[in-house]
Amino acid sequence: MPLSHFDAQGDAHMVDVSDKDITARVAVAAGHIKMAQETFDIISEGRAKKGDVLGVARLAGIMGAKKTPDLIPLCHPLPVTKVAVDLTLDPDLPGVQITATVKTTGQTGVEMEALSAVSIAALTVYDMTKAVDKAMQIGGIHVVLKDGGKSGRYEAP
């Protein structure tokens, strides 16, 4: 299957979605940030010097979803109708599990917006706690669910 973001000459271009049907679309992405136990304790106990780490990261993730077409060159600007970012402390990592759900009614999907939301939320957790833990690791960022449009439903195994 050819990549849709390249024309016949191999040059990058924005895909023409004008002939696609307007449908309800949703995407869910997930990822995590792993950290030292001390950093986990600081976040879970609300002792971070910069403030409410999870609350700020949630807002940053929402903003990241809304700014996706400004960051990813060939993404279409979409009328995002919902962005929800959930950050859950996970003592087994130790760290934070992040999930983002993005919805729209439009001609193309919102997978990139969901992935951006998770990425920006994770980067914000890093930014707010890097003074105590520069070795944090962001990972596992992937699409969990995509639904709507011609290609139908996708759920990660």
Protein backbone atom coordinates (compact mmCIF):
# COMPACT_ATOMS: atom_id res chain seq x y z
CA MET A 1 0.00 0.00 0.00
CA PRO A 2 1.53 3.36 -1.00
CA LEU A 3 1.95 6.07 1.61
CA SER A 4 -0.72 8.72 1.12
CA HIS A 5 1.44 11.67 2.20
CA PHE A 6 3.64 11.43 -0.91
CA ASP A 7 2.70 12.35 -4.47
CA ALA A 8 3.74 10.50 -7.65
CA GLN A 9 7.09 12.33 -7.63
CA GLY A 10 7.79 11.33 -4.02
CA ASP A 11 7.21 14.82 -2.62
CA ALA A 12 5.37 15.26 0.66
CA HIS A 13 1.89 16.77 0.42
CA MET A 14 -1.27 17.12 2.48
CA VAL A 15 -3.78 14.41 1.60
CA ASP A 16 -6.97 15.66 -0.09
CA VAL A 17 -9.86 14.54 2.13
CA SER A 18 -12.54 16.65 0.41
CA ASP A 19 -14.27 13.57 -1.08
CA LYS A 20 -14.41 11.70 2.24
CA ASP A 21 -17.66 11.48 4.17
CA ILE A 22 -18.08 13.52 7.33
CA THR A 23 -18.40 10.95 10.12
CA ALA A 24 -18.03 10.74 13.88
CA ARG A 25 -14.47 9.74 14.69
CA VAL A 26 -12.65 8.82 17.88
CA ALA A 27 -9.11 7.83 18.75
CA VAL A 28 -7.61 6.65 22.01
CA ALA A 29 -3.85 6.61 22.61
CA ALA A 30 -1.84 5.48 25.61
CA GLY A 31 1.68 5.66 26.95
CA HIS A 32 3.61 6.02 30.19
CA ILE A 33 6.46 7.74 31.94
CA LYS A 34 8.63 5.63 34.20
CA MET A 35 10.54 7.26 37.05
CA ALA A 36 12.50 6.68 40.24
CA GLN A 37 10.50 5.74 43.33
CA GLU A 38 11.46 9.07 44.94
CA THR A 39 9.95 10.99 42.00
CA PHE A 40 6.81 8.85 42.11
CA ASP A 41 6.47 9.61 45.82
CA ILE A 42 6.90 13.36 45.26
CA ILE A 43 4.12 13.35 42.63
CA SER A 44 1.76 11.07 44.56
CA GLU A 45 2.20 13.08 47.75
CA GLY A 46 1.77 16.44 46.00
CA ARG A 47 5.25 17.69 46.95
CA ALA A 48 6.50 18.82 43.52
CA LYS A 49 7.97 22.33 43.70
CA LYS A 50 6.28 23.34 40.41
CA GLY A 51 2.81 22.36 41.68
CA ASP A 52 0.14 19.85 40.66
CA VAL A 53 2.07 17.68 38.23
CA LEU A 54 -0.84 15.55 37.03
CA GLY A 55 -3.25 18.49 36.74
CA VAL A 56 -0.83 20.57 34.70
CA ALA A 57 0.09 17.57 32.53
CA ARG A 58 -3.62 16.92 31.87
CA LEU A 59 -4.10 20.49 30.64
CA ALA A 60 -0.92 20.34 28.58
CA GLY A 61 -2.12 17.12 26.93
CA ILE A 62 -5.43 18.77 26.02
CA MET A 63 -3.59 21.75 24.57
CA GLY A 64 -1.24 19.39 22.70
CA ALA A 65 -4.17 17.68 21.00
CA LYS A 66 -5.59 21.04 19.92
CA LYS A 67 -2.21 22.19 18.56
CA THR A 68 -1.38 19.02 16.62
CA PRO A 69 -1.72 20.55 13.13
CA ASP A 70 0.69 23.30 14.21
CA LEU A 71 3.28 20.67 15.19
CA ILE A 72 2.87 17.89 12.61
CA PRO A 73 3.31 19.44 9.15
CA LEU A 74 0.80 17.39 7.14
CA CYS A 75 -2.00 17.06 9.73
CA HIS A 76 -5.32 18.61 8.85
CA PRO A 77 -6.73 21.18 11.28
CA LEU A 78 -9.85 19.54 12.69
CA PRO A 79 -12.79 20.72 14.77
CA VAL A 80 -11.90 18.69 17.85
CA THR A 81 -15.11 18.13 19.84
CA LYS A 82 -13.65 16.34 22.87
CA VAL A 83 -10.26 15.76 24.44
CA ALA A 84 -9.92 13.79 27.66
CA VAL A 85 -6.52 13.05 29.16
CA ASP A 86 -6.27 10.65 32.09
CA LEU A 87 -3.11 10.29 34.15
CA THR A 88 -2.97 7.41 36.62
CA LEU A 89 -0.24 6.81 39.14
CA ASP A 90 1.15 3.29 38.66
CA PRO A 91 3.29 2.06 41.57
CA ASP A 92 4.36 -1.00 39.56
CA LEU A 93 6.30 1.12 37.02
CA PRO A 94 6.79 3.27 39.16
CA GLY A 95 5.38 6.11 37.12
CA VAL A 96 2.32 7.46 35.40
CA GLN A 97 0.06 5.76 32.84
CA ILE A 98 -1.44 8.24 30.37
CA THR A 99 -4.50 7.78 28.16
CA ALA A 100 -6.01 10.34 25.78
CA THR A 101 -9.35 10.19 24.02
CA VAL A 102 -10.05 12.60 21.17
CA LYS A 103 -13.29 12.97 19.21
CA THR A 104 -14.35 14.91 16.14
CA THR A 105 -16.92 14.90 13.39
CA GLY A 106 -15.00 15.32 10.19
CA GLN A 107 -13.37 13.90 7.10
CA THR A 108 -10.24 12.46 8.69
CA GLY A 109 -9.29 10.78 11.94
CA VAL A 110 -7.84 12.08 15.20
CA GLU A 111 -5.13 9.49 15.89
CA MET A 112 -2.38 12.12 15.69
CA GLU A 113 -4.23 14.36 18.14
CA ALA A 114 -4.55 11.50 20.65
CA LEU A 115 -0.88 10.56 20.24
CA SER A 116 0.13 14.21 20.64
CA ALA A 117 -1.95 14.54 23.81
CA VAL A 118 -0.23 11.55 25.42
CA SER A 119 3.22 12.73 24.31
CA ILE A 120 2.78 16.30 25.56
CA ALA A 121 1.31 15.11 28.87
CA ALA A 122 4.31 12.82 29.39
CA LEU A 123 6.76 15.57 28.46
CA THR A 124 5.06 17.89 30.93
CA VAL A 125 5.44 15.35 33.76
CA TYR A 126 9.12 15.17 32.80
CA ASP A 127 9.47 18.95 32.73
CA MET A 128 7.83 19.42 36.11
CA THR A 129 9.98 16.81 37.87
CA LYS A 130 13.28 16.77 35.95
CA ALA A 131 15.02 18.65 38.77
CA VAL A 132 14.84 15.48 40.88
CA ASP A 133 14.96 12.79 38.15
CA LYS A 134 16.62 13.34 34.79
CA ALA A 135 16.56 9.59 34.05
CA MET A 136 12.78 9.30 33.58
CA GLN A 137 11.75 7.31 30.51
CA ILE A 138 8.78 8.03 28.28
CA GLY A 139 7.52 5.03 26.35
CA GLY A 140 4.84 2.76 25.03
CA ILE A 141 3.02 5.52 23.15
CA HIS A 142 0.58 3.90 20.74
CA VAL A 143 -2.93 4.02 19.31
CA VAL A 144 -5.26 1.84 21.37
CA LEU A 145 -8.45 2.50 19.42
CA LYS A 146 -9.50 4.29 16.25
CA ASP A 147 -13.04 4.33 14.98
CA GLY A 148 -14.96 6.10 12.23
CA GLY A 149 -14.35 6.76 8.58
CA LYS A 150 -13.86 4.46 5.63
CA SER A 151 -11.22 2.24 7.24
CA GLY A 152 -13.55 1.45 10.14
CA ARG A 153 -12.53 0.33 13.58
CA TYR A 154 -9.04 -0.56 14.80
CA GLU A 155 -8.28 -1.88 18.27
CA ALA A 156 -4.75 -2.65 19.37
CA PRO A 157 -4.20 -6.30 20.24
